[in-house]
Protein backbone atom coordinates (compact mmCIF):
# COMPACT_ATOMS: atom_id res chain seq x y z
CA MET A 1 113.33 159.84 182.22
CA LYS A 2 109.93 159.79 180.60
CA SER A 3 109.66 158.55 177.05
CA LYS A 4 108.51 160.85 174.28
CA TRP A 5 105.29 158.80 174.13
CA TYR A 6 104.36 159.44 177.76
CA LYS A 7 101.87 162.21 176.94
CA LEU A 8 99.85 159.61 175.04
CA LYS A 9 99.88 157.05 177.84
CA ASP A 10 96.45 157.94 179.24
CA SER A 11 94.87 157.69 175.79
CA ALA A 12 96.55 154.34 175.18
CA MET A 13 95.48 152.99 178.56
CA ASN A 14 91.86 154.01 177.98
CA LEU A 15 91.81 152.33 174.59
CA ARG A 16 93.25 149.15 176.06
CA LYS A 17 90.64 149.13 178.85
CA LYS A 18 87.97 149.32 176.15
CA GLY A 19 89.35 146.08 174.76
CA LEU A 20 91.34 147.29 171.74
CA SER A 21 94.26 145.15 170.65
CA ILE A 22 97.83 146.30 171.04
CA GLY A 23 98.19 146.28 167.26
CA LYS A 24 95.27 148.64 166.73
CA ILE A 25 96.47 151.00 169.44
CA GLU A 26 99.96 150.96 167.96
CA HIS A 27 98.55 151.81 164.55
CA ARG A 28 96.21 154.50 165.87
CA LEU A 29 98.63 156.36 168.17
CA GLY A 30 101.97 155.50 166.60
CA ILE A 31 103.41 154.18 169.86
CA PRO A 32 105.91 151.29 169.63
CA ARG A 33 104.52 147.88 170.60
CA SER A 34 107.32 147.36 173.15
CA THR A 35 106.28 150.52 174.99
CA LEU A 36 102.60 149.58 174.96
CA SER A 37 103.32 146.09 176.29
CA GLY A 38 105.05 147.60 179.31
CA TRP A 39 102.17 149.98 180.00
CA PHE A 40 99.48 147.33 179.65
CA LYS A 41 101.00 144.52 181.70
CA ASN A 42 98.81 145.27 184.74
CA ILE A 43 95.56 145.85 182.83
CA LYS A 44 93.14 142.96 183.21
CA LEU A 45 90.72 142.36 180.33
CA SER A 46 87.34 140.72 180.81
CA SER A 47 86.65 137.30 179.30
CA THR A 48 84.34 138.98 176.78
CA GLN A 49 87.11 141.36 175.72
CA LYS A 50 89.58 138.48 175.47
CA ASP A 51 87.15 136.48 173.32
CA LYS A 52 86.61 139.49 171.07
CA LEU A 53 90.35 140.04 170.68
CA LEU A 54 90.85 136.36 169.86
CA GLN A 55 88.10 136.46 167.23
CA ASN A 56 89.51 139.65 165.72
CA TRP A 57 92.93 137.98 165.57
CA LYS A 58 91.45 134.97 163.79
CA ASN A 59 89.59 137.19 161.32
CA GLY A 60 92.75 139.15 160.67
CA LEU A 61 94.64 135.94 160.05
CA VAL A 62 92.06 134.81 157.48
CA LYS A 63 92.27 138.16 155.68
CA ALA A 64 96.07 138.05 155.71
CA ARG A 65 96.05 134.56 154.22
CA LYS A 66 93.66 135.61 151.47
CA LYS A 67 95.87 138.58 150.63
CA ALA A 68 98.92 136.31 150.62
CA VAL A 69 97.22 133.90 148.21
CA LEU A 70 96.27 136.75 145.87
CA TRP A 71 99.82 138.10 146.00
CA HIS A 72 101.39 134.70 145.31
CA ASN A 73 98.99 134.08 142.42
CA ALA A 74 99.80 137.46 140.90
CA GLU A 75 103.53 136.81 141.25
CA LYS A 76 103.10 133.37 139.68
CA GLN A 77 101.31 134.89 136.70
CA LYS A 78 104.22 137.29 136.24
CA ARG A 79 106.70 134.40 136.28
CA LEU A 80 104.58 132.42 133.83
CA LYS A 81 104.44 135.37 131.43
CA GLU A 82 108.21 135.79 131.67
CA ALA A 83 108.76 132.07 131.00
CA TYR A 84 106.43 132.31 127.99
CA LYS A 85 108.39 135.28 126.60
CA GLN A 86 111.66 133.42 127.08
CA ALA A 87 110.25 130.37 125.30
CA LEU A 88 109.17 132.48 122.33
CA SER A 89 112.62 134.05 122.22
CA THR A 90 114.25 130.61 122.03
CA LEU A 91 111.84 129.37 119.38
CA CYS A 92 112.67 132.37 117.18
CA HIS A 93 116.05 130.74 116.56
CA ILE A 94 114.59 127.37 115.54
CA ASN A 95 113.46 126.52 112.03
CA ASN A 96 110.32 124.41 112.29
CA ASP A 97 110.70 123.30 108.68
CA ASN A 98 114.16 121.83 109.23
CA LYS A 99 113.68 118.07 108.96
CA TYR A 100 116.70 117.28 111.11
CA ILE A 101 115.57 119.52 113.97
CA LEU A 102 112.11 117.99 113.78
CA GLU A 103 113.51 114.48 113.80
CA LEU A 104 115.77 115.26 116.76
CA ALA A 105 112.81 116.66 118.70
CA LEU A 106 110.83 113.52 117.92
CA ALA A 107 113.75 111.31 118.97
CA ILE A 108 114.10 113.06 122.34
CA LEU A 109 110.35 112.79 122.86
CA TYR A 110 110.44 109.10 122.02
CA LEU A 111 113.36 108.52 124.37
CA GLY A 112 111.21 109.81 127.22
CA GLU A 113 107.70 108.69 126.27
CA GLY A 114 107.92 106.04 123.55
CA ALA A 115 107.59 102.27 123.96
CA LYS A 116 110.99 100.57 124.16
CA THR A 117 110.17 96.86 124.44
CA THR A 118 107.52 96.38 121.74
CA ASP A 119 108.24 95.33 118.17
CA ASP A 120 106.78 98.49 116.69
CA THR A 121 107.00 102.26 116.99
CA SER A 122 104.43 103.39 119.54
CA LEU A 123 103.84 106.22 121.95
CA GLY A 124 101.14 106.79 124.55
CA ASN A 125 100.10 109.98 126.28
CA SER A 126 97.13 111.73 127.86
CA ASN A 127 97.95 115.01 126.10
CA PRO A 128 96.45 115.24 122.58
CA LEU A 129 99.07 117.84 121.57
CA ILE A 130 101.92 115.37 122.16
CA LEU A 131 100.20 112.71 120.08
CA LYS A 132 99.38 115.15 117.27
CA PHE A 133 103.05 116.09 117.15
CA PHE A 134 103.99 112.40 117.01
CA LEU A 135 101.58 111.80 114.12
CA LEU A 136 102.73 114.86 112.20
CA CYS A 137 106.38 113.84 112.48
CA LEU A 138 105.65 110.30 111.32
CA LYS A 139 103.88 111.73 108.31
CA LYS A 140 106.36 114.49 107.40
CA ILE A 141 109.60 112.66 108.10
CA TYR A 142 108.84 109.01 107.37
CA HIS A 143 105.79 109.37 105.09
CA VAL A 144 103.70 107.09 107.28
CA ASP A 145 100.03 106.78 106.36
CA THR A 146 98.64 107.93 109.70
CA CYS A 147 95.16 106.71 108.80
CA LYS A 148 96.52 103.20 109.31
CA ILE A 149 97.84 103.89 112.80
CA ARG A 150 96.45 101.47 115.38
CA CYS A 151 95.07 103.14 118.48
CA GLU A 152 94.40 101.76 121.94
CA LEU A 153 92.89 103.48 124.93
CA HIS A 154 93.71 103.03 128.59
CA LEU A 155 90.72 104.25 130.58
CA ARG A 156 89.45 104.48 134.12
CA ALA A 157 86.49 102.39 135.21
CA ASP A 158 83.89 105.20 135.07
CA GLN A 159 84.83 106.39 131.56
CA ASP A 160 82.60 105.45 128.65
CA PRO A 161 84.70 103.72 125.92
CA GLU A 162 82.52 104.91 123.03
CA ASN A 163 82.64 108.54 124.15
CA MET A 164 86.38 108.34 124.62
CA LYS A 165 86.82 106.84 121.14
CA LYS A 166 84.91 109.78 119.67
CA PHE A 167 86.96 112.26 121.68
CA TRP A 168 90.35 110.92 120.61
CA SER A 169 89.24 110.29 117.03
CA LYS A 170 88.18 113.93 116.70
CA LYS A 171 91.21 115.33 118.50
CA LEU A 172 93.75 113.35 116.47
CA GLY A 173 91.93 113.29 113.15
CA LEU A 174 92.05 109.49 112.98
CA PRO A 175 89.27 107.11 111.88
CA ILE A 176 87.24 105.86 114.81
CA GLN A 177 87.61 102.36 113.37
CA ASN A 178 91.29 102.51 114.35
CA PHE A 179 90.37 102.47 118.04
CA LYS A 180 89.89 98.75 118.55
CA GLN A 181 91.61 97.94 121.83
CA ILE A 182 90.25 99.31 125.10
CA ASN A 183 91.91 98.63 128.44
CA ILE A 184 90.04 99.43 131.67
CA ASP A 185 91.97 99.94 134.87
CA LYS A 186 90.01 97.88 137.41
CA ARG A 187 91.90 99.49 140.27
CA THR A 188 89.89 102.68 139.65
CA VAL A 189 86.48 101.09 140.29
CA GLY A 190 84.54 103.28 142.72
CA SER A 191 86.65 106.42 142.28
CA LYS A 192 85.54 109.42 140.26
CA THR A 193 87.53 110.69 137.28
CA TYR A 194 88.15 114.40 136.75
CA PRO A 195 86.20 115.70 133.71
CA HIS A 196 89.35 116.97 131.97
CA TYR A 197 91.05 113.56 132.05
CA LYS A 198 90.33 111.53 128.92
CA GLY A 199 92.53 108.54 129.62
CA VAL A 200 95.74 107.58 127.82
CA CYS A 201 95.80 107.01 124.08
CA ALA A 202 98.57 104.85 122.61
CA LEU A 203 99.41 105.12 118.91
CA ARG A 204 101.08 102.17 117.22
CA CYS A 205 102.96 102.28 113.94
CA GLY A 206 103.99 98.86 112.66
CA ASN A 207 107.38 100.06 111.40
CA VAL A 208 109.93 99.03 114.05
CA ALA A 209 112.77 100.55 112.01
CA ILE A 210 111.54 104.05 112.92
CA LYS A 211 111.81 103.27 116.62
CA ARG A 212 115.32 101.92 116.22
CA LYS A 213 116.46 105.02 114.38
CA LEU A 214 114.84 107.37 116.89
CA MET A 215 116.47 105.58 119.81
CA TYR A 216 119.89 105.76 118.19
CA ILE A 217 119.45 109.46 117.35
CA SER A 218 118.43 110.40 120.88
CA GLN A 219 121.07 108.32 122.63
CA LEU A 220 123.92 109.34 120.33
CA PHE A 221 122.91 113.00 120.56
CA CYS A 222 122.84 112.91 124.38
CA LYS A 223 126.18 111.12 124.43
CA ARG A 224 127.75 113.65 122.03
CA VAL A 225 126.56 116.59 124.14
CA VAL A 226 127.77 115.02 127.39
CA GLU A 227 131.17 114.04 126.02
CA ASN A 228 131.81 117.37 124.34
């Protein structure tokens, strides 16, 4: 019994002999790939035709990958927008002016990023926003004179200390005179630093009592949540 595609067999065979790919013939005539494969099994293509088909396949693969990248990027942007909306929704329920909420947030931050072994309250980070939050909390909650905060920079070998002092001084609103200690990572000699990376800035507040309180708040809070 002849298949319903049989009347198109001659057209399909002629297209194949001209060097068209099975995929293109399938798309053009609407014949299933399985049927075409059976028809074409005895057709011999020239080396030129085979090379052309291989190149077309490679070009198609490149185009498909580009489309996939664009699709994934678009989907990622959608997910990022949704995450942003959800974050705003959560923050609507939080009072930024509540001292206890602010202090808890600072304590959790310090638990993760703050210095634990030094005899002062200090925190280092490469993100200016984190450090600005740290400074603001010290000022609002504990009335620390942030202009007296000691600052130290941890830089890569190809970074200019004076330029980095100016950058962090401007970003954090602290006197440039506060940036007295510079540490250069000798392991980075010979490697290039990305322009956006400005090193790590560590802020030191001499009051060790603040650190002790923050550590107790964060640990007791985590313990309370876990045990309840």
